[in-house]
N, C-alpha and C. Protein backbone atom coordinates (compact mmCIF):
# COMPACT_ATOMS: atom_id res chain seq x y z
N UNK A 1 -21.64 8.40 31.19
CA UNK A 1 -20.04 7.46 30.71
C UNK A 1 -20.21 6.37 29.61
N UNK A 2 -21.50 5.98 29.43
CA UNK A 2 -21.68 5.20 27.83
C UNK A 2 -21.53 5.94 27.35
N UNK A 3 -21.39 7.39 26.80
CA UNK A 3 -21.27 7.58 25.69
C UNK A 3 -19.93 8.12 25.72
N UNK A 4 -19.07 8.11 26.37
CA UNK A 4 -17.72 8.26 26.50
C UNK A 4 -17.26 7.09 26.17
N UNK A 5 -17.91 5.95 26.73
CA UNK A 5 -16.69 4.27 26.05
C UNK A 5 -17.39 4.22 24.68
N UNK A 6 -18.81 4.55 24.29
CA UNK A 6 -19.04 4.51 22.87
C UNK A 6 -18.03 5.36 21.95
N UNK A 7 -17.43 6.53 22.20
CA UNK A 7 -16.75 7.31 21.76
C UNK A 7 -14.73 6.82 21.50
N UNK A 8 -15.20 6.44 23.01
CA UNK A 8 -13.51 5.41 22.89
C UNK A 8 -13.73 4.82 21.60
N UNK A 9 -14.84 3.92 21.91
CA UNK A 9 -14.65 2.16 21.10
C UNK A 9 -15.07 2.96 19.59
N UNK A 10 -15.66 3.74 19.27
CA UNK A 10 -15.59 4.26 18.08
C UNK A 10 -13.77 5.01 17.49
N UNK A 11 -13.27 5.46 18.23
CA UNK A 11 -11.97 5.99 18.12
C UNK A 11 -10.92 4.89 17.60
N UNK A 12 -11.11 3.74 18.40
CA UNK A 12 -10.23 2.89 18.34
C UNK A 12 -10.74 2.23 17.52
N UNK A 13 -11.92 1.53 16.76
CA UNK A 13 -12.27 1.40 15.74
C UNK A 13 -11.69 1.70 14.14
N UNK A 14 -11.93 4.12 14.56
CA UNK A 14 -10.93 4.58 13.38
C UNK A 14 -9.70 4.08 12.98
N UNK A 15 -8.68 4.01 14.49
CA UNK A 15 -7.64 3.77 14.21
C UNK A 15 -7.00 2.16 13.66
N UNK A 16 -7.67 1.77 14.38
CA UNK A 16 -7.70 0.07 14.04
C UNK A 16 -7.97 -0.06 12.27
N UNK A 17 -8.71 0.23 11.56
CA UNK A 17 -9.10 0.87 10.22
C UNK A 17 -7.83 0.65 9.31
N UNK A 18 -6.57 1.41 9.67
CA UNK A 18 -6.07 2.12 8.80
C UNK A 18 -4.72 0.58 8.95
N UNK A 19 -4.95 -0.20 9.75
CA UNK A 19 -4.32 -1.59 9.72
C UNK A 19 -4.38 -2.56 9.56
N UNK A 20 -4.68 -3.35 7.96
CA UNK A 20 -5.03 -4.76 7.85
C UNK A 20 -4.32 -5.87 8.00
N UNK A 21 -4.87 -6.61 8.80
CA UNK A 21 -3.57 -7.56 9.29
C UNK A 21 -4.08 -9.24 9.09
N UNK A 22 -3.32 -9.87 8.20
CA UNK A 22 -3.59 -11.02 7.95
C UNK A 22 -3.82 -12.07 8.94
N UNK A 23 -4.56 -13.41 8.83
CA UNK A 23 -4.33 -14.24 10.01
C UNK A 23 -3.40 -14.95 10.39
N UNK A 24 -2.43 -15.28 9.32
CA UNK A 24 -1.51 -15.82 9.07
C UNK A 24 -0.19 -15.70 9.69
N UNK A 25 -0.30 -14.30 10.06
CA UNK A 25 1.10 -14.36 10.96
C UNK A 25 0.91 -12.92 11.74
N UNK A 26 1.19 -12.45 13.20
CA UNK A 26 0.97 -11.70 14.03
C UNK A 26 1.64 -10.52 13.22
N UNK A 27 2.84 -10.42 12.50
CA UNK A 27 3.58 -9.98 11.93
C UNK A 27 3.76 -9.24 10.87
N UNK A 28 2.60 -9.75 9.93
CA UNK A 28 2.06 -9.44 8.71
C UNK A 28 1.17 -8.39 8.88
N UNK A 29 1.56 -7.18 8.02
CA UNK A 29 0.63 -6.58 7.68
C UNK A 29 0.37 -5.66 6.69
N UNK A 30 -0.52 -4.68 6.68
CA UNK A 30 -0.59 -4.10 5.31
C UNK A 30 -1.16 -2.27 6.32
N UNK A 31 -0.70 -1.50 5.80
CA UNK A 31 -0.78 0.21 6.42
C UNK A 31 -1.36 0.80 5.11
N UNK A 32 -2.62 1.41 5.63
CA UNK A 32 -3.55 1.80 4.80
C UNK A 32 -3.01 3.79 4.75
N UNK A 33 -2.26 4.50 4.00
CA UNK A 33 -2.05 5.69 4.17
C UNK A 33 -0.51 6.42 4.62
N UNK A 34 0.26 6.19 4.02
CA UNK A 34 1.60 6.98 4.58
C UNK A 34 1.53 8.22 4.09
N UNK A 35 2.32 8.64 5.07
CA UNK A 35 3.02 10.39 4.75
C UNK A 35 3.45 10.55 3.22
N UNK A 36 3.75 12.12 3.07
CA UNK A 36 4.82 12.16 1.40
C UNK A 36 5.95 11.73 1.88
N UNK A 37 6.47 11.63 0.72
CA UNK A 37 7.74 11.74 0.92
C UNK A 37 8.61 9.73 0.53
N UNK A 38 9.72 9.62 0.52
CA UNK A 38 10.38 8.06 0.44
C UNK A 38 10.49 7.68 2.19
N UNK A 39 10.96 8.83 2.73
CA UNK A 39 11.22 8.24 4.24
C UNK A 39 10.15 7.85 4.90
N UNK A 40 8.52 8.33 4.40
CA UNK A 40 7.72 7.87 5.57
C UNK A 40 7.27 6.20 4.89
N UNK A 41 7.97 5.77 4.28
CA UNK A 41 8.00 4.00 4.14
C UNK A 41 8.49 3.32 5.50
N UNK A 42 7.92 2.31 6.32
CA UNK A 42 8.27 1.91 7.56
C UNK A 42 9.82 0.69 6.80
N UNK A 43 10.45 0.71 7.99
CA UNK A 43 11.64 0.21 7.13
C UNK A 43 11.12 -1.63 7.63
N UNK A 44 11.43 -2.54 6.28
CA UNK A 44 11.30 -3.55 6.24
C UNK A 44 9.75 -4.04 5.01
N UNK A 45 9.42 -2.42 4.71
CA UNK A 45 7.93 -2.50 4.22
C UNK A 45 8.31 -2.47 2.52
N UNK A 46 7.46 -2.61 1.74
CA UNK A 46 7.35 -2.27 0.27
C UNK A 46 5.86 -1.18 0.37
N UNK A 47 6.51 0.00 -0.61
CA UNK A 47 5.85 1.13 -0.24
C UNK A 47 5.05 1.47 -1.20
N UNK A 48 3.81 1.83 -1.82
CA UNK A 48 3.28 2.34 -2.77
C UNK A 48 2.45 3.79 -2.66
N UNK A 49 2.86 4.56 -3.89
CA UNK A 49 2.05 5.81 -3.84
C UNK A 49 1.59 6.34 -4.85
N UNK A 50 0.10 6.80 -4.99
CA UNK A 50 -0.69 7.11 -6.08
C UNK A 50 -0.10 7.89 -7.43
N UNK A 51 0.83 9.05 -6.77
CA UNK A 51 1.29 9.74 -7.91
C UNK A 51 2.90 9.44 -7.86
N UNK A 52 3.60 10.51 -8.77
CA UNK A 52 5.25 10.56 -8.37
C UNK A 52 5.53 10.91 -7.28
N UNK A 53 6.56 10.68 -7.29
CA UNK A 53 7.51 11.73 -5.63
C UNK A 53 6.93 11.43 -5.04
N UNK A 54 6.65 9.68 -4.34
CA UNK A 54 5.38 9.41 -3.21
C UNK A 54 4.73 10.64 -2.61
N UNK A 55 4.05 10.90 -3.44
CA UNK A 55 3.20 11.43 -3.02
C UNK A 55 1.62 10.82 -3.04
N UNK A 56 0.89 10.92 -1.76
CA UNK A 56 -0.74 10.65 -2.08
C UNK A 56 -1.36 10.73 -3.27
N UNK A 57 -2.58 10.62 -3.72
CA UNK A 57 -3.17 10.94 -4.79
C UNK A 57 -4.37 11.38 -4.00
N UNK A 58 -4.49 12.15 -5.33
CA UNK A 58 -5.44 13.31 -5.17
C UNK A 58 -6.97 12.95 -3.83
N UNK A 59 -7.74 13.78 -3.71
CA UNK A 59 -8.62 13.42 -2.29
C UNK A 59 -9.93 12.61 -3.19
N UNK A 60 -9.71 13.15 -4.53
CA UNK A 60 -11.09 12.29 -5.22
C UNK A 60 -11.03 11.14 -5.97
N UNK A 61 -11.16 10.12 -4.89
CA UNK A 61 -11.28 8.83 -4.43
C UNK A 61 -9.75 7.89 -4.65
N UNK A 62 -8.95 8.64 -4.93
CA UNK A 62 -8.11 7.23 -5.00
C UNK A 62 -7.60 7.00 -3.70
N UNK A 63 -6.52 6.27 -3.18
CA UNK A 63 -6.62 5.42 -2.40
C UNK A 63 -5.15 6.23 -1.29
N UNK A 64 -4.34 6.77 -2.25
CA UNK A 64 -3.43 7.15 -1.66
C UNK A 64 -1.73 6.87 -1.71
N UNK A 65 -1.84 5.76 -0.52
CA UNK A 65 -0.54 4.86 -0.42
C UNK A 65 -0.65 4.01 0.57
N UNK A 66 0.50 3.15 0.35
CA UNK A 66 0.02 1.87 0.81
C UNK A 66 1.38 1.23 1.48
N UNK A 67 1.74 0.44 2.84
CA UNK A 67 2.45 -0.23 2.46
C UNK A 67 2.32 -1.81 3.13
N UNK A 68 3.27 -2.57 3.11
CA UNK A 68 3.39 -3.60 3.52
C UNK A 68 4.14 -4.84 3.76
N UNK A 69 4.53 -5.68 4.35
CA UNK A 69 5.39 -6.08 4.64
C UNK A 69 5.70 -8.07 4.01
N UNK A 70 4.47 -7.73 3.87
CA UNK A 70 3.65 -9.55 2.93
C UNK A 70 3.59 -9.17 1.48
N UNK A 71 3.58 -10.11 0.50
CA UNK A 71 3.44 -10.39 -0.77
C UNK A 71 1.70 -10.05 -1.05
N UNK A 72 1.09 -9.31 -1.61
CA UNK A 72 -0.22 -8.67 -1.73
C UNK A 72 -0.65 -9.34 -3.43
N UNK A 73 -1.52 -10.10 -3.49
CA UNK A 73 -1.94 -11.00 -4.59
C UNK A 73 -2.80 -9.69 -5.07
N UNK A 74 -3.40 -8.79 -4.68
CA UNK A 74 -4.55 -8.37 -4.91
C UNK A 74 -4.94 -7.24 -4.30
N UNK A 75 -4.56 -5.97 -5.05
CA UNK A 75 -4.28 -4.68 -4.46
C UNK A 75 -5.78 -3.80 -4.69
N UNK A 76 -6.46 -4.54 -5.74
CA UNK A 76 -7.94 -4.55 -5.38
C UNK A 76 -8.40 -4.42 -3.75
N UNK A 77 -8.33 -5.23 -3.53
CA UNK A 77 -9.16 -5.96 -1.82
C UNK A 77 -8.44 -4.71 -1.09
N UNK A 78 -7.86 -3.45 -1.24
CA UNK A 78 -7.52 -2.93 -0.27
C UNK A 78 -7.60 -1.77 -0.37
N UNK A 79 -8.78 -2.42 0.13
CA UNK A 79 -9.86 -0.89 0.41
C UNK A 79 -10.31 -0.45 1.67
N UNK A 80 -10.75 0.77 2.18
CA UNK A 80 -11.70 0.79 3.11
C UNK A 80 -12.87 2.13 2.83
N UNK A 81 -14.25 0.95 2.91
CA UNK A 81 -15.29 1.27 2.99
C UNK A 81 -15.16 2.93 3.66
N UNK A 82 -16.15 4.34 2.69
CA UNK A 82 -16.07 5.67 3.32
C UNK A 82 -14.67 5.70 3.12
N UNK A 83 -15.05 7.39 3.71
CA UNK A 83 -13.99 8.35 3.78
C UNK A 83 -13.55 8.83 2.12
N UNK A 84 -12.06 8.34 1.90
CA UNK A 84 -11.75 9.16 0.61
C UNK A 84 -10.82 7.68 -0.16
N UNK A 85 -10.50 6.65 0.94
CA UNK A 85 -10.34 5.06 0.41
C UNK A 85 -11.28 4.80 -0.45
N UNK A 86 -10.79 4.42 -1.74
CA UNK A 86 -11.50 3.78 -2.84
C UNK A 86 -10.49 2.74 -3.40
N UNK A 87 -8.84 1.61 -2.96
CA UNK A 87 -8.46 1.07 -3.59
C UNK A 87 -7.22 1.59 -4.19
N UNK A 88 -6.17 0.32 -4.48
CA UNK A 88 -5.23 0.87 -4.46
C UNK A 88 -4.63 0.08 -6.10
N UNK A 89 -5.94 -0.58 -6.57
CA UNK A 89 -6.21 -1.35 -7.96
C UNK A 89 -5.46 -0.57 -8.59
N UNK A 90 -4.31 -0.50 -9.79
CA UNK A 90 -3.60 0.42 -10.67
C UNK A 90 -4.27 1.82 -10.34
N UNK A 91 -3.13 2.09 -9.31
CA UNK A 91 -2.90 3.73 -8.97
C UNK A 91 -1.33 3.44 -9.05
N UNK A 92 -0.31 2.67 -8.51
CA UNK A 92 1.04 3.26 -8.17
C UNK A 92 1.86 4.13 -9.29
N UNK A 93 2.01 4.72 -8.42
CA UNK A 93 3.65 5.53 -9.85
C UNK A 93 4.75 5.21 -9.22
N UNK A 94 4.50 5.59 -8.15
CA UNK A 94 6.19 5.77 -7.34
C UNK A 94 5.97 4.46 -6.30
N UNK A 95 7.48 4.21 -6.01
CA UNK A 95 7.44 2.92 -5.23
C UNK A 95 9.07 2.97 -4.18
N UNK A 96 9.05 2.37 -3.43
CA UNK A 96 10.49 2.06 -2.30
C UNK A 96 9.77 0.01 -1.94
N UNK A 97 10.90 -0.03 -1.72
CA UNK A 97 11.46 -0.94 -1.39
C UNK A 97 12.43 -1.32 0.20
N UNK A 98 12.14 -0.92 0.98
CA UNK A 98 12.59 -1.04 2.29
C UNK A 98 12.70 -2.23 2.94
N UNK A 99 12.98 -3.52 1.77
CA UNK A 99 13.35 -4.61 2.45
C UNK A 99 14.83 -5.03 1.84
N UNK A 100 15.32 -6.07 2.02
CA UNK A 100 16.88 -7.07 1.93
C UNK A 100 16.21 -7.80 0.72
N UNK A 101 14.70 -7.86 0.17
CA UNK A 101 14.97 -8.95 -0.75
C UNK A 101 14.40 -7.60 -2.05
N UNK A 102 14.38 -8.86 -3.37
CA UNK A 102 13.69 -8.23 -4.19
C UNK A 102 12.18 -7.86 -4.82
N UNK A 103 11.68 -7.35 -5.13
CA UNK A 103 10.38 -7.26 -5.39
C UNK A 103 9.89 -7.00 -6.67
N UNK A 104 8.77 -8.11 -6.82
CA UNK A 104 8.52 -7.84 -8.09
C UNK A 104 6.81 -7.65 -8.25
N UNK A 105 6.56 -6.39 -9.25
CA UNK A 105 5.12 -5.83 -9.33
C UNK A 105 4.32 -6.53 -10.58
N UNK A 106 3.89 -7.13 -10.55
CA UNK A 106 2.92 -7.42 -11.63
C UNK A 106 1.49 -6.35 -12.20
N UNK A 107 1.23 -6.75 -13.26
CA UNK A 107 0.26 -5.82 -14.04
C UNK A 107 -0.83 -6.83 -13.85
N UNK A 108 -1.26 -7.75 -13.60
CA UNK A 108 -2.57 -8.67 -12.94
C UNK A 108 -2.53 -8.90 -11.54
N UNK A 109 -3.64 -8.94 -11.19
CA UNK A 109 -3.79 -9.70 -10.02
C UNK A 109 -3.06 -11.18 -9.64
N UNK A 110 -2.85 -12.04 -8.70
CA UNK A 110 -2.23 -13.54 -9.09
C UNK A 110 -1.01 -13.39 -9.43
N UNK A 111 0.09 -12.20 -9.36
CA UNK A 111 0.74 -11.88 -10.08
C UNK A 111 1.24 -12.41 -11.74
N UNK A 112 0.81 -12.03 -11.95
CA UNK A 112 0.24 -12.30 -13.61
C UNK A 112 0.78 -11.26 -14.34
N UNK A 113 0.72 -11.56 -15.90
CA UNK A 113 1.21 -10.36 -16.73
C UNK A 113 2.45 -9.73 -16.53
N UNK A 114 2.77 -8.36 -17.16
CA UNK A 114 3.98 -7.50 -17.18
C UNK A 114 4.67 -7.48 -16.03
N UNK A 115 5.89 -7.54 -15.40
CA UNK A 115 6.65 -7.73 -14.48
C UNK A 115 8.00 -6.78 -14.43
N UNK A 116 7.67 -6.07 -13.22
CA UNK A 116 8.31 -4.93 -13.08
C UNK A 116 9.62 -4.78 -11.65
N UNK A 117 10.57 -5.30 -12.14
CA UNK A 117 11.62 -5.85 -10.57
C UNK A 117 12.64 -5.12 -10.22
N UNK A 118 12.46 -4.78 -8.78
CA UNK A 118 13.19 -4.00 -7.98
C UNK A 118 14.21 -4.31 -7.25
N UNK A 119 15.03 -3.84 -6.85
CA UNK A 119 16.52 -4.63 -5.88
C UNK A 119 16.03 -4.10 -4.49
N UNK A 120 16.75 -4.73 -3.99
CA UNK A 120 16.65 -4.20 -1.90
C UNK A 120 17.28 -2.94 -2.19
N UNK A 121 16.25 -2.08 -1.41
CA UNK A 121 16.47 -0.96 -0.64
C UNK A 121 16.31 0.49 -1.57
N UNK A 122 15.76 -0.26 -3.13
CA UNK A 122 15.98 0.92 -4.26
C UNK A 122 14.71 1.54 -4.11
N UNK A 123 14.37 2.91 -4.37
CA UNK A 123 13.39 3.93 -4.38
C UNK A 123 13.35 4.63 -6.24
N UNK A 124 11.70 4.23 -6.18
CA UNK A 124 11.66 4.46 -7.64
C UNK A 124 10.91 5.88 -7.59
N UNK A 125 10.76 7.15 -7.62
CA UNK A 125 9.78 8.16 -7.86
C UNK A 125 9.25 8.54 -8.95
N UNK A 126 9.56 7.36 -9.70
CA UNK A 126 8.44 7.52 -11.15
C UNK A 126 8.86 6.12 -11.93
N UNK A 127 7.59 5.34 -11.71
CA UNK A 127 7.87 3.85 -11.73
C UNK A 127 7.95 4.46 -13.87
N UNK A 128 8.27 2.89 -14.50
CA UNK A 128 8.45 3.27 -16.20
C UNK A 128 6.78 3.14 -16.28
N UNK A 129 6.94 4.06 -17.69
CA UNK A 129 5.45 4.65 -18.22
C UNK A 129 4.34 3.10 -18.08
N UNK A 130 5.62 2.16 -18.77
CA UNK A 130 4.29 0.91 -19.23
C UNK A 130 3.95 0.04 -18.06
N UNK A 131 4.44 0.52 -16.78
CA UNK A 131 3.74 -0.41 -15.73
C UNK A 131 3.01 0.72 -14.70
N UNK A 132 2.93 2.30 -15.05
CA UNK A 132 2.46 3.16 -14.05
C UNK A 132 1.12 2.98 -14.18
N UNK A 133 0.71 3.09 -13.32
CA UNK A 133 -1.18 3.22 -12.74
C UNK A 133 -1.54 1.62 -13.43
N UNK A 134 -0.68 0.46 -13.66
CA UNK A 134 -1.06 -1.07 -13.85
C UNK A 134 -0.77 -2.11 -12.74
N UNK A 135 -0.09 -0.89 -11.67
CA UNK A 135 0.54 -2.26 -10.78
C UNK A 135 -0.82 -3.00 -10.27
N UNK A 136 -0.81 -4.53 -9.99
CA UNK A 136 -2.11 -5.17 -9.33
C UNK A 136 -1.82 -6.30 -8.30
N UNK A 137 -0.89 -6.25 -8.49
CA UNK A 137 0.26 -7.28 -7.14
C UNK A 137 1.44 -7.21 -7.21
N UNK A 138 2.14 -7.98 -6.13
CA UNK A 138 3.33 -7.50 -5.58
C UNK A 138 4.35 -8.66 -4.80
N UNK A 139 4.88 -9.52 -5.19
CA UNK A 139 5.76 -10.45 -4.07
C UNK A 139 7.07 -10.06 -4.22
N UNK A 140 7.80 -10.49 -2.96
CA UNK A 140 8.87 -11.03 -2.92
C UNK A 140 9.55 -12.11 -4.02
N UNK A 141 10.69 -11.44 -4.19
CA UNK A 141 11.11 -12.25 -5.65
C UNK A 141 12.49 -12.48 -5.67
């Protein structure tokens, strides 16, 4: 019985590890790892993929994809130890804005450097070359 409970606890921990939640709001969340395609982006989230055409990165240590319904000031902090997750810092090549607000993506952490702005409900299968693999933070703007 103890072994079964331990396995259940490990399974729950693995599922919980896929979603990071901030302490500031019960509804603020960042989801690590999405499916392929713009349709994988949940309603009211901003989504980023490591490769163009809304495809997760190769398993060679790339993060793959994320979705967030909050500002993210440091994409380097979005990591999961082990497995294939090594962070989303300077990895994004395609983005979806599934919100009713404009989103500003920045070259540096803390919303600094070059800015790439997209409007509500926009989908970019390939971000411009000057910001490709350079997004470090983003905010509602």
